[in-house]
């Protein structure tokens, strides 16, 4: 459902849905599932949505969580981890530029 909102450009609605996922997982499955391979894409997508909203610090925070999960579960050489690392670096560079500017 969140992806439909994204395709329509309704980023706030998509973000509202994504932000509820960790709480639901915690409630249903417990804390260990918050750091599983299934949840890493949720944090990653949240980082992209925060970026679209101009919320760079939140974007970096969500990207860092996703990257930590992927590194631990998949290793640094996995394509998903590499994409996440590249995106995270880009977010950090943008954040630094904004603070300098």
PDB file of N, CA and C in Angstrom:
ATOM      1  N   UNK A   1       0.819  -1.183   0.000  1.00  0.00           N
ATOM      2  CA  UNK A   1       0.000   0.000   0.000  1.00  0.00           C
ATOM      3  C   UNK A   1       0.874   1.262   0.000  1.00  0.00           C
ATOM      4  N   UNK A   2       1.979   1.209   0.738  1.00  0.00           N
ATOM      5  CA  UNK A   2       2.876   2.360   0.772  1.00  0.00           C
ATOM      6  C   UNK A   2       3.448   2.647  -0.612  1.00  0.00           C
ATOM      7  N   UNK A   3       3.759   1.599  -1.357  1.00  0.00           N
ATOM      8  CA  UNK A   3       4.312   1.794  -2.696  1.00  0.00           C
ATOM      9  C   UNK A   3       3.313   2.488  -3.620  1.00  0.00           C
ATOM     10  N   UNK A   4       2.037   2.210  -3.447  1.00  0.00           N
ATOM     11  CA  UNK A   4       1.028   2.909  -4.242  1.00  0.00           C
ATOM     12  C   UNK A   4       1.025   4.398  -3.921  1.00  0.00           C
ATOM     13  N   UNK A   5       1.165   4.725  -2.655  1.00  0.00           N
ATOM     14  CA  UNK A   5       1.234   6.141  -2.270  1.00  0.00           C
ATOM     15  C   UNK A   5       2.472   6.803  -2.876  1.00  0.00           C
ATOM     16  N   UNK A   6       3.581   6.081  -2.877  1.00  0.00           N
ATOM     17  CA  UNK A   6       4.820   6.636  -3.435  1.00  0.00           C
ATOM     18  C   UNK A   6       4.650   6.917  -4.923  1.00  0.00           C
ATOM     19  N   UNK A   7       4.079   5.958  -5.640  1.00  0.00           N
ATOM     20  CA  UNK A   7       3.883   6.140  -7.086  1.00  0.00           C
ATOM     21  C   UNK A   7       2.987   7.336  -7.393  1.00  0.00           C
ATOM     22  N   UNK A   8       2.072   7.630  -6.494  1.00  0.00           N
ATOM     23  CA  UNK A   8       1.180   8.780  -6.678  1.00  0.00           C
ATOM     24  C   UNK A   8       1.786  10.070  -6.149  1.00  0.00           C
ATOM     25  N   UNK A   9       2.972   9.986  -5.533  1.00  0.00           N
ATOM     26  CA  UNK A   9       3.622  11.169  -4.978  1.00  0.00           C
ATOM     27  C   UNK A   9       3.103  11.559  -3.606  1.00  0.00           C
ATOM     28  N   UNK A  10       2.363  10.665  -2.969  1.00  0.00           N
ATOM     29  CA  UNK A  10       1.824  10.927  -1.631  1.00  0.00           C
ATOM     30  C   UNK A  10       2.817  10.433  -0.577  1.00  0.00           C
ATOM     31  N   UNK A  11       3.925  11.141  -0.451  1.00  0.00           N
ATOM     32  CA  UNK A  11       5.009  10.690   0.413  1.00  0.00           C
ATOM     33  C   UNK A  11       4.626  10.677   1.893  1.00  0.00           C
ATOM     34  N   UNK A  12       3.845  11.635   2.319  1.00  0.00           N
ATOM     35  CA  UNK A  12       3.435  11.676   3.731  1.00  0.00           C
ATOM     36  C   UNK A  12       2.637  10.433   4.103  1.00  0.00           C
ATOM     37  N   UNK A  13       1.711  10.036   3.240  1.00  0.00           N
ATOM     38  CA  UNK A  13       0.899   8.855   3.511  1.00  0.00           C
ATOM     39  C   UNK A  13       1.755   7.597   3.528  1.00  0.00           C
ATOM     40  N   UNK A  14       2.693   7.501   2.578  1.00  0.00           N
ATOM     41  CA  UNK A  14       3.586   6.343   2.533  1.00  0.00           C
ATOM     42  C   UNK A  14       4.442   6.280   3.791  1.00  0.00           C
ATOM     43  N   UNK A  15       4.963   7.422   4.204  1.00  0.00           N
ATOM     44  CA  UNK A  15       5.801   7.469   5.397  1.00  0.00           C
ATOM     45  C   UNK A  15       5.008   7.085   6.640  1.00  0.00           C
ATOM     46  N   UNK A  16       3.776   7.528   6.714  1.00  0.00           N
ATOM     47  CA  UNK A  16       2.927   7.146   7.846  1.00  0.00           C
ATOM     48  C   UNK A  16       2.807   5.628   7.943  1.00  0.00           C
ATOM     49  N   UNK A  17       2.628   4.975   6.807  1.00  0.00           N
ATOM     50  CA  UNK A  17       2.518   3.509   6.813  1.00  0.00           C
ATOM     51  C   UNK A  17       3.837   2.854   7.207  1.00  0.00           C
ATOM     52  N   UNK A  18       4.938   3.316   6.624  1.00  0.00           N
ATOM     53  CA  UNK A  18       6.244   2.730   6.939  1.00  0.00           C
ATOM     54  C   UNK A  18       6.614   2.914   8.408  1.00  0.00           C
ATOM     55  N   UNK A  19       6.286   4.057   8.971  1.00  0.00           N
ATOM     56  CA  UNK A  19       6.656   4.321  10.364  1.00  0.00           C
ATOM     57  C   UNK A  19       5.946   3.385  11.342  1.00  0.00           C
ATOM     58  N   UNK A  20       4.829   2.830  10.935  1.00  0.00           N
ATOM     59  CA  UNK A  20       4.090   1.905  11.797  1.00  0.00           C
ATOM     60  C   UNK A  20       4.657   0.492  11.782  1.00  0.00           C
ATOM     61  N   UNK A  21       5.438   0.154  10.768  1.00  0.00           N
ATOM     62  CA  UNK A  21       5.925  -1.217  10.609  1.00  0.00           C
ATOM     63  C   UNK A  21       6.796  -1.677  11.776  1.00  0.00           C
ATOM     64  N   UNK A  22       7.837  -0.936  12.173  1.00  0.00           N
ATOM     65  CA  UNK A  22       8.665  -1.431  13.288  1.00  0.00           C
ATOM     66  C   UNK A  22       7.867  -1.689  14.564  1.00  0.00           C
ATOM     67  N   UNK A  23       6.928  -0.816  14.882  1.00  0.00           N
ATOM     68  CA  UNK A  23       6.115  -1.013  16.094  1.00  0.00           C
ATOM     69  C   UNK A  23       5.264  -2.272  15.986  1.00  0.00           C
ATOM     70  N   UNK A  24       4.705  -2.506  14.815  1.00  0.00           N
ATOM     71  CA  UNK A  24       3.893  -3.714  14.617  1.00  0.00           C
ATOM     72  C   UNK A  24       4.745  -4.976  14.698  1.00  0.00           C
ATOM     73  N   UNK A  25       5.926  -4.923  14.139  1.00  0.00           N
ATOM     74  CA  UNK A  25       6.818  -6.090  14.192  1.00  0.00           C
ATOM     75  C   UNK A  25       7.238  -6.356  15.628  1.00  0.00           C
ATOM     76  N   UNK A  26       7.597  -5.297  16.342  1.00  0.00           N
ATOM     77  CA  UNK A  26       7.978  -5.444  17.742  1.00  0.00           C
ATOM     78  C   UNK A  26       6.844  -6.072  18.547  1.00  0.00           C
ATOM     79  N   UNK A  27       5.655  -5.578  18.335  1.00  0.00           N
ATOM     80  CA  UNK A  27       4.483  -6.070  19.060  1.00  0.00           C
ATOM     81  C   UNK A  27       4.174  -7.532  18.714  1.00  0.00           C
ATOM     82  N   UNK A  28       4.317  -7.893  17.453  1.00  0.00           N
ATOM     83  CA  UNK A  28       3.935  -9.223  16.995  1.00  0.00           C
ATOM     84  C   UNK A  28       5.029 -10.264  17.192  1.00  0.00           C
ATOM     85  N   UNK A  29       6.268  -9.907  16.868  1.00  0.00           N
ATOM     86  CA  UNK A  29       7.336 -10.893  16.833  1.00  0.00           C
ATOM     87  C   UNK A  29       8.428 -10.701  17.879  1.00  0.00           C
ATOM     88  N   UNK A  30       8.495  -9.543  18.489  1.00  0.00           N
ATOM     89  CA  UNK A  30       9.543  -9.279  19.464  1.00  0.00           C
ATOM     90  C   UNK A  30      10.710  -8.524  18.870  1.00  0.00           C
ATOM     91  N   UNK A  31      11.618  -8.155  19.734  1.00  0.00           N
ATOM     92  CA  UNK A  31      12.729  -7.263  19.367  1.00  0.00           C
ATOM     93  C   UNK A  31      13.693  -7.862  18.350  1.00  0.00           C
ATOM     94  N   UNK A  32      13.908  -9.155  18.373  1.00  0.00           N
ATOM     95  CA  UNK A  32      14.888  -9.743  17.453  1.00  0.00           C
ATOM     96  C   UNK A  32      14.490  -9.545  15.994  1.00  0.00           C
ATOM     97  N   UNK A  33      13.223  -9.490  15.694  1.00  0.00           N
ATOM     98  CA  UNK A  33      12.779  -9.296  14.308  1.00  0.00           C
ATOM     99  C   UNK A  33      13.017  -7.870  13.820  1.00  0.00           C
ATOM    100  N   UNK A  34      13.247  -6.931  14.744  1.00  0.00           N
ATOM    101  CA  UNK A  34      13.509  -5.551  14.321  1.00  0.00           C
ATOM    102  C   UNK A  34      14.825  -5.434  13.565  1.00  0.00           C
ATOM    103  N   UNK A  35      15.659  -6.435  13.685  1.00  0.00           N
ATOM    104  CA  UNK A  35      16.975  -6.409  13.029  1.00  0.00           C
ATOM    105  C   UNK A  35      17.131  -7.591  12.089  1.00  0.00           C
ATOM    106  N   UNK A  36      16.056  -7.915  11.380  1.00  0.00           N
ATOM    107  CA  UNK A  36      16.062  -9.040  10.459  1.00  0.00           C
ATOM    108  C   UNK A  36      16.183  -8.555   9.012  1.00  0.00           C
ATOM    109  N   UNK A  37      16.441  -9.486   8.126  1.00  0.00           N
ATOM    110  CA  UNK A  37      16.563  -9.129   6.711  1.00  0.00           C
ATOM    111  C   UNK A  37      15.241  -8.635   6.135  1.00  0.00           C
ATOM    112  N   UNK A  38      14.133  -9.021   6.748  1.00  0.00           N
ATOM    113  CA  UNK A  38      12.838  -8.575   6.251  1.00  0.00           C
ATOM    114  C   UNK A  38      12.574  -7.099   6.561  1.00  0.00           C
ATOM    115  N   UNK A  39      13.133  -6.605   7.632  1.00  0.00           N
ATOM    116  CA  UNK A  39      12.850  -5.224   8.047  1.00  0.00           C
ATOM    117  C   UNK A  39      13.853  -4.226   7.453  1.00  0.00           C
ATOM    118  N   UNK A  40      15.030  -4.679   7.049  1.00  0.00           N
ATOM    119  CA  UNK A  40      16.039  -3.769   6.499  1.00  0.00           C
ATOM    120  C   UNK A  40      15.490  -2.927   5.346  1.00  0.00           C
ATOM    121  N   UNK A  41      14.731  -3.520   4.393  1.00  0.00           N
ATOM    122  CA  UNK A  41      14.189  -2.680   3.315  1.00  0.00           C
ATOM    123  C   UNK A  41      13.199  -1.618   3.802  1.00  0.00           C
ATOM    124  N   UNK A  42      12.516  -1.892   4.894  1.00  0.00           N
ATOM    125  CA  UNK A  42      11.578  -0.907   5.441  1.00  0.00           C
ATOM    126  C   UNK A  42      12.348   0.327   5.901  1.00  0.00           C
ATOM    127  N   UNK A  43      13.428   0.102   6.655  1.00  0.00           N
ATOM    128  CA  UNK A  43      14.247   1.235   7.110  1.00  0.00           C
ATOM    129  C   UNK A  43      14.862   1.976   5.916  1.00  0.00           C
ATOM    130  N   UNK A  44      15.308   1.214   4.923  1.00  0.00           N
ATOM    131  CA  UNK A  44      15.906   1.819   3.735  1.00  0.00           C
ATOM    132  C   UNK A  44      14.881   2.692   3.007  1.00  0.00           C
ATOM    133  N   UNK A  45      13.669   2.155   2.808  1.00  0.00           N
ATOM    134  CA  UNK A  45      12.625   2.928   2.138  1.00  0.00           C
ATOM    135  C   UNK A  45      12.221   4.147   2.953  1.00  0.00           C
ATOM    136  N   UNK A  46      12.214   4.004   4.274  1.00  0.00           N
ATOM    137  CA  UNK A  46      11.925   5.160   5.117  1.00  0.00           C
ATOM    138  C   UNK A  46      12.979   6.238   4.912  1.00  0.00           C
ATOM    139  N   UNK A  47      14.233   5.831   4.767  1.00  0.00           N
ATOM    140  CA  UNK A  47      15.294   6.823   4.564  1.00  0.00           C
ATOM    141  C   UNK A  47      15.076   7.579   3.262  1.00  0.00           C
ATOM    142  N   UNK A  48      14.642   6.868   2.218  1.00  0.00           N
ATOM    143  CA  UNK A  48      14.383   7.539   0.943  1.00  0.00           C
ATOM    144  C   UNK A  48      13.209   8.505   1.042  1.00  0.00           C
ATOM    145  N   UNK A  49      12.179   8.095   1.765  1.00  0.00           N
ATOM    146  CA  UNK A  49      11.023   8.972   1.936  1.00  0.00           C
ATOM    147  C   UNK A  49      11.367  10.196   2.777  1.00  0.00           C
ATOM    148  N   UNK A  50      12.144  10.002   3.838  1.00  0.00           N
ATOM    149  CA  UNK A  50      12.586  11.150   4.632  1.00  0.00           C
ATOM    150  C   UNK A  50      13.400  12.107   3.758  1.00  0.00           C
ATOM    151  N   UNK A  51      14.254  11.546   2.905  1.00  0.00           N
ATOM    152  CA  UNK A  51      15.046  12.381   2.005  1.00  0.00           C
ATOM    153  C   UNK A  51      14.126  13.194   1.096  1.00  0.00           C
ATOM    154  N   UNK A  52      13.115  12.551   0.523  1.00  0.00           N
ATOM    155  CA  UNK A  52      12.171  13.245  -0.357  1.00  0.00           C
ATOM    156  C   UNK A  52      11.457  14.381   0.370  1.00  0.00           C
ATOM    157  N   UNK A  53      11.287  14.241   1.672  1.00  0.00           N
ATOM    158  CA  UNK A  53      10.617  15.261   2.469  1.00  0.00           C
ATOM    159  C   UNK A  53      11.588  16.328   2.974  1.00  0.00           C
ATOM    160  N   UNK A  54      12.874  16.172   2.643  1.00  0.00           N
ATOM    161  CA  UNK A  54      13.874  17.136   3.088  1.00  0.00           C
ATOM    162  C   UNK A  54      14.315  16.933   4.528  1.00  0.00           C
ATOM    163  N   UNK A  55      14.031  15.773   5.068  1.00  0.00           N
ATOM    164  CA  UNK A  55      14.382  15.455   6.460  1.00  0.00           C
ATOM    165  C   UNK A  55      15.670  14.624   6.463  1.00  0.00           C
ATOM    166  N   UNK A  56      16.790  15.285   6.161  1.00  0.00           N
ATOM    167  CA  UNK A  56      18.043  14.577   5.935  1.00  0.00           C
ATOM    168  C   UNK A  56      18.562  13.833   7.167  1.00  0.00           C
ATOM    169  N   UNK A  57      18.451  14.427   8.333  1.00  0.00           N
ATOM    170  CA  UNK A  57      18.964  13.756   9.534  1.00  0.00           C
ATOM    171  C   UNK A  57      18.210  12.466   9.808  1.00  0.00           C
ATOM    172  N   UNK A  58      16.888  12.493   9.614  1.00  0.00           N
ATOM    173  CA  UNK A  58      16.098  11.273   9.772  1.00  0.00           C
ATOM    174  C   UNK A  58      16.433  10.264   8.681  1.00  0.00           C
ATOM    175  N   UNK A  59      16.666  10.758   7.473  1.00  0.00           N
ATOM    176  CA  UNK A  59      17.042   9.874   6.361  1.00  0.00           C
ATOM    177  C   UNK A  59      18.350   9.154   6.666  1.00  0.00           C
ATOM    178  N   UNK A  60      19.319   9.888   7.171  1.00  0.00           N
ATOM    179  CA  UNK A  60      20.613   9.291   7.518  1.00  0.00           C
ATOM    180  C   UNK A  60      20.444   8.257   8.635  1.00  0.00           C
ATOM    181  N   UNK A  61      19.628   8.573   9.620  1.00  0.00           N
ATOM    182  CA  UNK A  61      19.415   7.647  10.743  1.00  0.00           C
ATOM    183  C   UNK A  61      18.793   6.337  10.273  1.00  0.00           C
ATOM    184  N   UNK A  62      17.776   6.405   9.428  1.00  0.00           N
ATOM    185  CA  UNK A  62      17.123   5.186   8.934  1.00  0.00           C
ATOM    186  C   UNK A  62      18.051   4.404   8.017  1.00  0.00           C
ATOM    187  N   UNK A  63      18.810   5.113   7.208  1.00  0.00           N
ATOM    188  CA  UNK A  63      19.769   4.459   6.327  1.00  0.00           C
ATOM    189  C   UNK A  63      20.836   3.727   7.137  1.00  0.00           C
ATOM    190  N   UNK A  64      21.273   4.331   8.232  1.00  0.00           N
ATOM    191  CA  UNK A  64      22.286   3.711   9.085  1.00  0.00           C
ATOM    192  C   UNK A  64      21.767   2.415   9.702  1.00  0.00           C
ATOM    193  N   UNK A  65      20.513   2.407  10.129  1.00  0.00           N
ATOM    194  CA  UNK A  65      19.935   1.186  10.698  1.00  0.00           C
ATOM    195  C   UNK A  65      19.872   0.094   9.639  1.00  0.00           C
ATOM    196  N   UNK A  66      19.384   0.448   8.467  1.00  0.00           N
ATOM    197  CA  UNK A  66      19.295  -0.520   7.375  1.00  0.00           C
ATOM    198  C   UNK A  66      20.677  -1.069   7.014  1.00  0.00           C
ATOM    199  N   UNK A  67      21.652  -0.185   6.915  1.00  0.00           N
ATOM    200  CA  UNK A  67      23.005  -0.595   6.567  1.00  0.00           C
ATOM    201  C   UNK A  67      23.593  -1.522   7.626  1.00  0.00           C
ATOM    202  N   UNK A  68      23.398  -1.192   8.890  1.00  0.00           N
ATOM    203  CA  UNK A  68      23.887  -2.044   9.975  1.00  0.00           C
ATOM    204  C   UNK A  68      23.305  -3.455   9.883  1.00  0.00           C
ATOM    205  N   UNK A  69      22.012  -3.543   9.622  1.00  0.00           N
ATOM    206  CA  UNK A  69      21.349  -4.847   9.506  1.00  0.00           C
ATOM    207  C   UNK A  69      21.919  -5.623   8.325  1.00  0.00           C
ATOM    208  N   UNK A  70      22.011  -4.968   7.189  1.00  0.00           N
ATOM    209  CA  UNK A  70      22.503  -5.663   5.988  1.00  0.00           C
ATOM    210  C   UNK A  70      23.955  -6.086   6.133  1.00  0.00           C
ATOM    211  N   UNK A  71      24.777  -5.256   6.727  1.00  0.00           N
ATOM    212  CA  UNK A  71      26.184  -5.634   6.928  1.00  0.00           C
ATOM    213  C   UNK A  71      26.302  -6.867   7.814  1.00  0.00           C
ATOM    214  N   UNK A  72      25.520  -6.874   8.888  1.00  0.00           N
ATOM    215  CA  UNK A  72      25.584  -7.984   9.827  1.00  0.00           C
ATOM    216  C   UNK A  72      25.056  -9.279   9.203  1.00  0.00           C
ATOM    217  N   UNK A  73      23.970  -9.191   8.456  1.00  0.00           N
ATOM    218  CA  UNK A  73      23.339 -10.394   7.923  1.00  0.00           C
ATOM    219  C   UNK A  73      23.890 -10.837   6.571  1.00  0.00           C
ATOM    220  N   UNK A  74      24.263  -9.884   5.728  1.00  0.00           N
ATOM    221  CA  UNK A  74      24.661 -10.217   4.362  1.00  0.00           C
ATOM    222  C   UNK A  74      26.147 -10.028   4.075  1.00  0.00           C
ATOM    223  N   UNK A  75      26.804  -9.201   4.880  1.00  0.00           N
ATOM    224  CA  UNK A  75      28.213  -8.894   4.635  1.00  0.00           C
ATOM    225  C   UNK A  75      28.362  -7.688   3.721  1.00  0.00           C
ATOM    226  N   UNK A  76      29.559  -7.129   3.704  1.00  0.00           N
ATOM    227  CA  UNK A  76      29.825  -5.904   2.936  1.00  0.00           C
ATOM    228  C   UNK A  76      29.805  -6.103   1.429  1.00  0.00           C
ATOM    229  N   UNK A  77      30.047  -7.334   0.957  1.00  0.00           N
ATOM    230  CA  UNK A  77      30.160  -7.592  -0.474  1.00  0.00           C
ATOM    231  C   UNK A  77      28.825  -7.866  -1.159  1.00  0.00           C
ATOM    232  N   UNK A  78      27.769  -8.022  -0.411  1.00  0.00           N
ATOM    233  CA  UNK A  78      26.462  -8.324  -1.001  1.00  0.00           C
ATOM    234  C   UNK A  78      25.938  -7.101  -1.750  1.00  0.00           C
ATOM    235  N   UNK A  79      25.325  -7.306  -2.935  1.00  0.00           N
ATOM    236  CA  UNK A  79      24.819  -6.162  -3.715  1.00  0.00           C
ATOM    237  C   UNK A  79      23.850  -5.258  -2.954  1.00  0.00           C
ATOM    238  N   UNK A  80      22.981  -5.824  -2.136  1.00  0.00           N
ATOM    239  CA  UNK A  80      22.044  -4.995  -1.364  1.00  0.00           C
ATOM    240  C   UNK A  80      22.796  -4.118  -0.367  1.00  0.00           C
ATOM    241  N   UNK A  81      23.830  -4.682   0.254  1.00  0.00           N
ATOM    242  CA  UNK A  81      24.639  -3.912   1.198  1.00  0.00           C
ATOM    243  C   UNK A  81      25.403  -2.814   0.470  1.00  0.00           C
ATOM    244  N   UNK A  82      25.960  -3.151  -0.689  1.00  0.00           N
ATOM    245  CA  UNK A  82      26.707  -2.161  -1.459  1.00  0.00           C
ATOM    246  C   UNK A  82      25.817  -1.002  -1.901  1.00  0.00           C
ATOM    247  N   UNK A  83      24.588  -1.305  -2.333  1.00  0.00           N
ATOM    248  CA  UNK A  83      23.656  -0.231  -2.726  1.00  0.00           C
ATOM    249  C   UNK A  83      23.321   0.641  -1.524  1.00  0.00           C
ATOM    250  N   UNK A  84      23.092  -0.010  -0.392  1.00  0.00           N
ATOM    251  CA  UNK A  84      22.769   0.718   0.832  1.00  0.00           C
ATOM    252  C   UNK A  84      23.944   1.606   1.246  1.00  0.00           C
ATOM    253  N   UNK A  85      25.177   1.093   1.130  1.00  0.00           N
ATOM    254  CA  UNK A  85      26.361   1.883   1.485  1.00  0.00           C
ATOM    255  C   UNK A  85      26.488   3.108   0.584  1.00  0.00           C
ATOM    256  N   UNK A  86      26.275   2.921  -0.714  1.00  0.00           N
ATOM    257  CA  UNK A  86      26.380   4.035  -1.655  1.00  0.00           C
ATOM    258  C   UNK A  86      25.317   5.095  -1.350  1.00  0.00           C
ATOM    259  N   UNK A  87      24.120   4.658  -1.088  1.00  0.00           N
ATOM    260  CA  UNK A  87      23.041   5.584  -0.743  1.00  0.00           C
ATOM    261  C   UNK A  87      23.342   6.315   0.554  1.00  0.00           C
ATOM    262  N   UNK A  88      23.856   5.584   1.535  1.00  0.00           N
ATOM    263  CA  UNK A  88      24.173   6.185   2.836  1.00  0.00           C
ATOM    264  C   UNK A  88      25.259   7.249   2.685  1.00  0.00           C
ATOM    265  N   UNK A  89      26.289   6.941   1.910  1.00  0.00           N
ATOM    266  CA  UNK A  89      27.355   7.923   1.661  1.00  0.00           C
ATOM    267  C   UNK A  89      26.780   9.184   1.016  1.00  0.00           C
ATOM    268  N   UNK A  90      25.896   8.989   0.057  1.00  0.00           N
ATOM    269  CA  UNK A  90      25.283  10.125  -0.632  1.00  0.00           C
ATOM    270  C   UNK A  90      24.464  10.983   0.333  1.00  0.00           C
ATOM    271  N   UNK A  91      23.711  10.330   1.208  1.00  0.00           N
ATOM    272  CA  UNK A  91      22.932  11.071   2.205  1.00  0.00           C
ATOM    273  C   UNK A  91      23.843  11.856   3.144  1.00  0.00           C
ATOM    274  N   UNK A  92      24.929  11.215   3.577  1.00  0.00           N
ATOM    275  CA  UNK A  92      25.871  11.899   4.466  1.00  0.00           C
ATOM    276  C   UNK A  92      26.498  13.115   3.782  1.00  0.00           C
ATOM    277  N   UNK A  93      26.872  12.955   2.510  1.00  0.00           N
ATOM    278  CA  UNK A  93      27.453  14.072   1.765  1.00  0.00           C
ATOM    279  C   UNK A  93      26.465  15.221   1.657  1.00  0.00           C
ATOM    280  N   UNK A  94      25.206  14.893   1.391  1.00  0.00           N
ATOM    281  CA  UNK A  94      24.166  15.919   1.290  1.00  0.00           C
ATOM    282  C   UNK A  94      23.975  16.637   2.623  1.00  0.00           C
ATOM    283  N   UNK A  95      23.996  15.859   3.703  1.00  0.00           N
ATOM    284  CA  UNK A  95      23.833  16.437   5.039  1.00  0.00           C
ATOM    285  C   UNK A  95      24.980  17.387   5.360  1.00  0.00           C
ATOM    286  N   UNK A  96      26.200  16.993   5.039  1.00  0.00           N
ATOM    287  CA  UNK A  96      27.369  17.837   5.268  1.00  0.00           C
ATOM    288  C   UNK A  96      27.275  19.119   4.438  1.00  0.00           C
ATOM    289  N   UNK A  97      26.884  18.987   3.183  1.00  0.00           N
ATOM    290  CA  UNK A  97      26.726  20.165   2.328  1.00  0.00           C
ATOM    291  C   UNK A  97      25.700  21.142   2.882  1.00  0.00           C
ATOM    292  N   UNK A  98      24.610  20.599   3.379  1.00  0.00           N
ATOM    293  CA  UNK A  98      23.560  21.462   3.945  1.00  0.00           C
ATOM    294  C   UNK A  98      24.028  22.198   5.183  1.00  0.00           C
ATOM    295  N   UNK A  99      24.839  21.539   5.996  1.00  0.00           N
ATOM    296  CA  UNK A  99      25.348  22.188   7.199  1.00  0.00           C
ATOM    297  C   UNK A  99      26.395  23.241   6.880  1.00  0.00           C
ATOM    298  N   UNK A 100      27.130  23.046   5.790  1.00  0.00           N
ATOM    299  CA  UNK A 100      28.138  24.026   5.382  1.00  0.00           C
ATOM    300  C   UNK A 100      27.499  25.231   4.715  1.00  0.00           C
ATOM    301  N   UNK A 101      26.410  24.942   3.960  1.00  0.00           N
ATOM    302  CA  UNK A 101      25.788  25.988   3.141  1.00  0.00           C
ATOM    303  C   UNK A 101      24.959  26.901   3.930  1.00  0.00           C
TER     304      UNK A 101
END
